[in-house]
């Protein structure tokens, strides 16, 4: 068995109560339950997964804005081309009518 050290830290009252209730339901002390959760978290790579999740969320939040700006630029170009084509067609028709 590994050597244990007493640690003092603050925890939300609701969280502590939930831990105590679960520990009681399992028939163990809440300190043992906290240790188990800590070990599970460290061995599962949860911290790394959480960092990846945050990074992914940030990238997804940023990417739509970039995509939206790109689409706006493309739409502006298409709109300008369409307007220029309509103006050219109308000018050609006006010119034909004037020369007729």
Protein backbone atom coordinates (compact mmCIF):
# COMPACT_ATOMS: atom_id res chain seq x y z
CA UNK A 1 0.00 0.00 0.00
CA UNK A 2 1.33 3.45 -0.90
CA UNK A 3 2.07 6.09 1.69
CA UNK A 4 -0.77 8.57 2.21
CA UNK A 5 -0.60 12.25 2.96
CA UNK A 6 -3.35 14.48 4.31
CA UNK A 7 -4.35 17.26 1.92
CA UNK A 8 -6.64 20.18 2.65
CA UNK A 9 -8.57 21.83 -0.19
CA UNK A 10 -11.89 23.52 -0.80
CA UNK A 11 -14.72 21.83 -2.65
CA UNK A 12 -18.27 22.89 -3.44
CA UNK A 13 -20.67 21.81 -0.71
CA UNK A 14 -23.06 20.21 -3.21
CA UNK A 15 -20.25 18.22 -4.79
CA UNK A 16 -19.01 17.01 -1.42
CA UNK A 17 -22.52 15.90 -0.46
CA UNK A 18 -22.90 14.03 -3.74
CA UNK A 19 -19.54 12.32 -3.17
CA UNK A 20 -20.51 11.32 0.36
CA UNK A 21 -23.87 9.93 -0.83
CA UNK A 22 -22.23 7.88 -3.58
CA UNK A 23 -19.55 6.64 -1.19
CA UNK A 24 -22.25 5.62 1.31
CA UNK A 25 -24.16 3.82 -1.43
CA UNK A 26 -20.98 1.89 -2.35
CA UNK A 27 -20.10 1.24 1.29
CA UNK A 28 -16.76 3.05 1.14
CA UNK A 29 -15.39 6.29 2.56
CA UNK A 30 -15.66 9.41 0.45
CA UNK A 31 -11.87 9.85 0.59
CA UNK A 32 -11.50 6.45 -1.09
CA UNK A 33 -14.07 7.46 -3.69
CA UNK A 34 -12.23 10.72 -4.44
CA UNK A 35 -8.95 8.81 -4.78
CA UNK A 36 -10.59 6.35 -7.16
CA UNK A 37 -12.00 9.15 -9.30
CA UNK A 38 -8.62 10.88 -9.39
CA UNK A 39 -6.86 7.68 -10.45
CA UNK A 40 -9.49 7.00 -13.12
CA UNK A 41 -9.17 10.52 -14.45
CA UNK A 42 -5.41 10.37 -14.61
CA UNK A 43 -5.29 6.92 -16.21
CA UNK A 44 -7.98 7.61 -18.79
CA UNK A 45 -6.32 10.69 -20.25
CA UNK A 46 -9.41 12.74 -19.49
CA UNK A 47 -7.35 15.90 -19.10
CA UNK A 48 -5.83 15.46 -22.55
CA UNK A 49 -9.25 14.69 -24.02
CA UNK A 50 -10.70 17.81 -22.40
CA UNK A 51 -7.92 19.95 -23.89
CA UNK A 52 -8.60 18.46 -27.33
CA UNK A 53 -12.30 19.08 -26.85
CA UNK A 54 -11.71 22.73 -25.96
CA UNK A 55 -9.33 23.14 -28.89
CA UNK A 56 -11.87 21.57 -31.24
CA UNK A 57 -14.62 23.82 -29.90
CA UNK A 58 -12.47 26.91 -30.44
CA UNK A 59 -11.58 25.82 -33.98
CA UNK A 60 -15.23 25.17 -34.80
CA UNK A 61 -16.18 28.56 -33.42
CA UNK A 62 -13.50 30.35 -35.42
CA UNK A 63 -13.86 28.43 -38.67
CA UNK A 64 -17.48 29.40 -39.44
CA UNK A 65 -16.57 33.09 -39.17
CA UNK A 66 -13.69 32.64 -41.58
CA UNK A 67 -15.88 30.60 -43.91
CA UNK A 68 -18.63 33.22 -43.69
CA UNK A 69 -16.18 35.97 -44.69
CA UNK A 70 -14.92 33.88 -47.61
CA UNK A 71 -18.48 33.26 -48.77
CA UNK A 72 -19.32 36.95 -48.46
CA UNK A 73 -16.35 37.77 -50.67
CA UNK A 74 -17.33 35.16 -53.24
CA UNK A 75 -20.94 36.33 -53.23
CA UNK A 76 -19.83 39.95 -53.69
CA UNK A 77 -17.75 38.93 -56.70
CA UNK A 78 -20.60 36.91 -58.21
CA UNK A 79 -23.05 39.74 -57.60
CA UNK A 80 -20.70 42.27 -59.19
CA UNK A 81 -20.25 40.01 -62.22
CA UNK A 82 -24.01 39.55 -62.55
CA UNK A 83 -24.65 43.29 -62.30
CA UNK A 84 -21.94 44.02 -64.87
CA UNK A 85 -23.44 41.44 -67.25
CA UNK A 86 -26.95 42.90 -66.83
CA UNK A 87 -25.67 46.42 -67.43
CA UNK A 88 -23.80 45.26 -70.54
CA UNK A 89 -26.89 43.47 -71.90
CA UNK A 90 -29.09 46.49 -71.20
CA UNK A 91 -26.58 48.86 -72.79
CA UNK A 92 -26.39 46.62 -75.87
CA UNK A 93 -30.19 46.59 -76.15
CA UNK A 94 -30.39 50.37 -75.73
CA UNK A 95 -27.65 50.83 -78.30
CA UNK A 96 -29.50 48.61 -80.79
CA UNK A 97 -32.71 50.54 -80.29
CA UNK A 98 -30.97 53.84 -80.78
CA UNK A 99 -29.31 52.71 -84.01
CA UNK A 100 -32.45 51.18 -85.43
